[in-house]
Amino acid sequence: MAVVDANYRFIYSNVGVQGRVSDAGLFAESDLRAALDERKLNLPPDEALPNTNIILPYAFVGDEAYPLRNDPLKPYPHRRLQPEQRIFNYRLSRARRVVENAFGILANRLRVFRTTICLDPDKAVTVTLAALCLHNFLRHKQSDAYLPPGLTDWEDENHHLHDGAWRQERTLQSVNIGGGKNPTIAAKEQRDCLKDYFVSPSGCLPWQDQYV
């Protein structure tokens, strides 16, 4: 499990948990959740949505595998969605592509070695963390050899999204969905507030309706 910033850099990682553990279960036992619950993260203060007086906290972007809270946002369940909910999911999906691309870049670049490395679990964790550090270093240096044009998703002048080349290799597995139960009332209200904002004159995108 990892947190990624807007520049495809890993700013938090949790490595070494058995693969049978769901993402929701991993998050529930992580130090990230503990830090969020105890408000120990240096997050920006709550801020108004652009062109409104609606004050909301900053939040992480997650997928269906995570629980709904007011700090990690997740999409509405994909069944009987209202148009406004589809738009919210679309906007959240666009933001989530940054995370997907970070993992995709890393997986794509590791494929260069094409070698199975047999290591003890502790050493495998060390190698994985070293790979994340190397990835961040190369992103900081903005190496064209490491991240050539077209490797990540890109958007044309008509705001159409195009898949990056890494997606064609199918190096990532689907997430293990489950475990996100009993979301709080506050988390539901926050998601609904953003849903309404994304279809309001202040928060809508001119081209978003074509994706609903």
Protein backbone atom coordinates (compact mmCIF):
# COMPACT_ATOMS: atom_id res chain seq x y z
CA MET A 1 0.00 0.00 0.00
CA ALA A 2 1.33 3.43 -0.86
CA VAL A 3 0.45 7.12 -1.11
CA VAL A 4 1.54 9.01 -4.21
CA ASP A 5 1.85 12.73 -4.84
CA ALA A 6 0.98 14.62 -8.03
CA ASN A 7 4.49 14.04 -9.44
CA TYR A 8 4.22 10.23 -9.31
CA ARG A 9 6.46 10.08 -6.24
CA PHE A 10 5.79 7.70 -3.36
CA ILE A 11 5.44 9.66 -0.12
CA TYR A 12 4.27 6.75 2.06
CA SER A 13 4.53 2.99 1.72
CA ASN A 14 3.60 -0.10 3.72
CA VAL A 15 5.50 -3.14 2.47
CA GLY A 16 5.65 -6.74 3.64
CA VAL A 17 2.05 -7.69 4.44
CA GLN A 18 0.86 -11.03 3.09
CA GLY A 19 -0.94 -10.80 -0.23
CA ARG A 20 -4.09 -12.47 1.10
CA VAL A 21 -4.77 -9.46 3.35
CA SER A 22 -7.30 -7.10 1.73
CA ASP A 23 -6.44 -3.46 1.12
CA ALA A 24 -9.10 -2.45 3.64
CA GLY A 25 -7.60 -4.76 6.25
CA LEU A 26 -4.10 -3.51 5.51
CA PHE A 27 -5.23 0.10 5.89
CA ALA A 28 -7.06 -0.65 9.14
CA GLU A 29 -3.86 -1.95 10.76
CA SER A 30 -1.47 0.57 9.20
CA ASP A 31 0.41 3.39 10.86
CA LEU A 32 -1.12 5.66 8.22
CA ARG A 33 -4.59 5.12 9.64
CA ALA A 34 -3.25 5.60 13.16
CA ALA A 35 -1.67 8.90 12.14
CA LEU A 36 -4.91 10.03 10.48
CA ASP A 37 -6.98 9.09 13.53
CA GLU A 38 -4.60 10.91 15.86
CA ARG A 39 -4.27 13.87 13.47
CA LYS A 40 -0.50 13.56 13.39
CA LEU A 41 -0.11 14.18 9.66
CA ASN A 42 0.90 17.63 8.51
CA LEU A 43 -2.08 18.10 6.21
CA PRO A 44 -3.16 21.55 4.97
CA PRO A 45 -5.97 23.16 6.96
CA ASP A 46 -9.57 22.86 5.79
CA GLU A 47 -10.25 25.12 2.82
CA ALA A 48 -13.19 26.40 0.80
CA LEU A 49 -13.96 24.78 -2.53
CA PRO A 50 -13.14 27.14 -5.42
CA ASN A 51 -15.75 29.85 -5.96
CA THR A 52 -17.81 28.72 -2.94
CA ASN A 53 -18.08 29.13 0.82
CA ILE A 54 -18.11 25.37 1.37
CA ILE A 55 -15.30 24.39 3.73
CA LEU A 56 -13.98 20.82 3.39
CA PRO A 57 -10.87 19.03 4.64
CA TYR A 58 -8.14 17.77 2.36
CA ALA A 59 -8.45 14.05 1.69
CA PHE A 60 -6.60 11.16 0.11
CA VAL A 61 -8.04 9.56 -3.02
CA GLY A 62 -8.75 5.84 -2.82
CA ASP A 63 -10.52 3.14 -4.78
CA GLU A 64 -13.34 0.72 -4.01
CA ALA A 65 -11.13 -1.46 -1.84
CA TYR A 66 -10.82 1.12 0.94
CA PRO A 67 -13.32 2.13 3.61
CA LEU A 68 -15.24 5.37 3.17
CA ARG A 69 -13.96 7.98 5.61
CA ASN A 70 -13.62 11.74 5.49
CA ASP A 71 -9.86 11.46 4.86
CA PRO A 72 -9.71 8.77 2.12
CA LEU A 73 -12.41 9.35 -0.50
CA LYS A 74 -13.77 6.42 -2.49
CA PRO A 75 -16.25 6.21 -5.40
CA TYR A 76 -19.93 5.43 -5.13
CA PRO A 77 -20.72 1.72 -5.62
CA HIS A 78 -21.13 0.93 -9.31
CA ARG A 79 -24.80 0.02 -9.25
CA ARG A 80 -27.88 2.14 -10.01
CA LEU A 81 -25.84 5.32 -10.07
CA GLN A 82 -27.50 8.70 -10.48
CA PRO A 83 -25.91 11.03 -13.08
CA GLU A 84 -24.39 13.18 -10.32
CA GLN A 85 -22.82 10.11 -8.74
CA ARG A 86 -21.38 9.03 -12.08
CA ILE A 87 -19.79 12.46 -12.49
CA PHE A 88 -18.29 12.23 -9.01
CA ASN A 89 -16.85 8.80 -9.81
CA TYR A 90 -15.48 10.12 -13.09
CA ARG A 91 -13.74 13.05 -11.42
CA LEU A 92 -12.36 10.79 -8.69
CA SER A 93 -11.16 8.32 -11.32
CA ARG A 94 -9.24 11.07 -13.14
CA ALA A 95 -7.45 11.95 -9.91
CA ARG A 96 -6.78 8.29 -9.16
CA ARG A 97 -5.01 7.86 -12.50
CA VAL A 98 -1.99 9.62 -10.99
CA VAL A 99 -1.67 6.81 -8.46
CA GLU A 100 -2.21 4.13 -11.09
CA ASN A 101 0.45 5.70 -13.29
CA ALA A 102 2.99 5.82 -10.46
CA PHE A 103 2.58 2.09 -9.85
CA GLY A 104 2.54 1.50 -13.60
CA ILE A 105 5.81 3.37 -14.14
CA LEU A 106 7.49 1.42 -11.37
CA ALA A 107 6.21 -1.94 -12.61
CA ASN A 108 7.18 -1.10 -16.19
CA ARG A 109 10.71 -0.09 -15.26
CA LEU A 110 11.25 -3.13 -13.03
CA ARG A 111 10.37 -5.36 -15.98
CA VAL A 112 13.69 -4.32 -17.53
CA PHE A 113 15.45 -6.77 -15.20
CA ARG A 114 13.13 -9.68 -16.13
CA THR A 115 14.71 -11.80 -13.41
CA THR A 116 13.16 -13.69 -10.52
CA ILE A 117 14.97 -12.79 -7.29
CA CYS A 118 14.64 -15.36 -4.49
CA LEU A 119 14.99 -13.57 -1.17
CA ASP A 120 13.88 -13.90 2.42
CA PRO A 121 10.79 -11.76 3.18
CA ASP A 122 12.79 -9.19 5.16
CA LYS A 123 15.25 -8.73 2.31
CA ALA A 124 12.40 -8.55 -0.20
CA VAL A 125 10.96 -5.64 1.80
CA THR A 126 14.35 -3.89 1.72
CA VAL A 127 14.63 -4.37 -2.06
CA THR A 128 11.10 -3.05 -2.59
CA LEU A 129 11.73 0.07 -0.51
CA ALA A 130 15.02 0.61 -2.34
CA ALA A 131 13.14 0.44 -5.66
CA LEU A 132 10.68 3.08 -4.42
CA CYS A 133 13.55 5.35 -3.35
CA LEU A 134 15.26 4.92 -6.73
CA HIS A 135 11.97 5.66 -8.49
CA ASN A 136 11.55 8.88 -6.47
CA PHE A 137 15.14 9.91 -7.20
CA LEU A 138 14.67 9.47 -10.93
CA ARG A 139 11.36 11.34 -10.86
CA HIS A 140 13.03 14.20 -8.98
CA LYS A 141 15.70 14.37 -11.67
CA GLN A 142 12.98 14.14 -14.36
CA SER A 143 14.95 11.65 -16.39
CA ASP A 144 13.54 11.39 -19.93
CA ALA A 145 15.04 7.92 -20.17
CA TYR A 146 13.11 6.82 -17.08
CA LEU A 147 9.80 8.43 -18.00
CA PRO A 148 9.59 8.87 -21.78
CA PRO A 149 6.60 10.63 -23.38
CA GLY A 150 3.58 8.39 -23.75
CA LEU A 151 4.49 6.00 -20.93
CA THR A 152 1.88 7.55 -18.60
CA ASP A 153 -1.73 8.55 -19.36
CA TRP A 154 -2.07 11.82 -21.22
CA GLU A 155 -4.81 14.27 -22.17
CA ASP A 156 -5.23 15.88 -25.59
CA GLU A 157 -6.45 19.38 -26.39
CA ASN A 158 -10.08 18.16 -26.35
CA HIS A 159 -9.64 16.79 -22.81
CA HIS A 160 -9.83 13.19 -23.98
CA LEU A 161 -7.76 10.84 -21.85
CA HIS A 162 -5.42 8.37 -23.55
CA ASP A 163 -3.93 5.33 -21.86
CA GLY A 164 -0.21 5.31 -21.27
CA ALA A 165 1.99 2.63 -22.81
CA TRP A 166 2.51 0.90 -19.46
CA ARG A 167 -1.17 -0.16 -19.41
CA GLN A 168 -0.68 -2.24 -22.54
CA GLU A 169 1.68 -4.56 -20.68
CA ARG A 170 -0.88 -5.39 -17.95
CA THR A 171 1.74 -5.51 -15.22
CA LEU A 172 -0.66 -4.69 -12.38
CA GLN A 173 -3.25 -6.93 -10.78
CA SER A 174 -6.78 -5.94 -9.88
CA VAL A 175 -7.37 -4.75 -6.34
CA ASN A 176 -8.94 -6.98 -3.73
CA ILE A 177 -12.27 -5.31 -3.08
CA GLY A 178 -13.95 -5.74 0.24
CA GLY A 179 -14.04 -4.78 3.88
CA GLY A 180 -15.20 -1.17 3.57
CA LYS A 181 -18.17 -1.29 5.90
CA ASN A 182 -20.13 1.16 8.02
CA PRO A 183 -18.93 4.47 6.59
CA THR A 184 -19.51 7.38 8.93
CA ILE A 185 -22.26 9.90 8.36
CA ALA A 186 -19.66 12.66 8.04
CA ALA A 187 -17.81 10.75 5.31
CA LYS A 188 -21.04 10.22 3.36
CA GLU A 189 -21.92 13.89 3.69
CA GLN A 190 -18.49 14.96 2.50
CA ARG A 191 -18.73 12.74 -0.57
CA ASP A 192 -22.24 13.98 -1.32
CA CYS A 193 -21.06 17.57 -0.91
CA LEU A 194 -18.33 17.05 -3.49
CA LYS A 195 -20.81 15.24 -5.75
CA ASP A 196 -23.09 18.31 -5.70
CA TYR A 197 -20.13 20.64 -6.21
CA PHE A 198 -18.93 18.77 -9.31
CA VAL A 199 -22.28 19.39 -11.06
CA SER A 200 -22.65 22.99 -9.85
CA PRO A 201 -21.69 26.05 -11.96
CA SER A 202 -18.65 26.53 -9.71
CA GLY A 203 -17.24 23.03 -9.97
CA CYS A 204 -18.40 21.46 -13.22
CA LEU A 205 -16.17 20.86 -16.24
CA PRO A 206 -17.47 21.87 -19.69
CA TRP A 207 -16.69 18.44 -21.14
CA GLN A 208 -17.54 16.11 -18.26
CA ASP A 209 -21.13 15.26 -19.29
CA GLN A 210 -19.92 13.28 -22.31
CA TYR A 211 -18.35 10.74 -19.94
CA VAL A 212 -21.49 10.08 -17.87
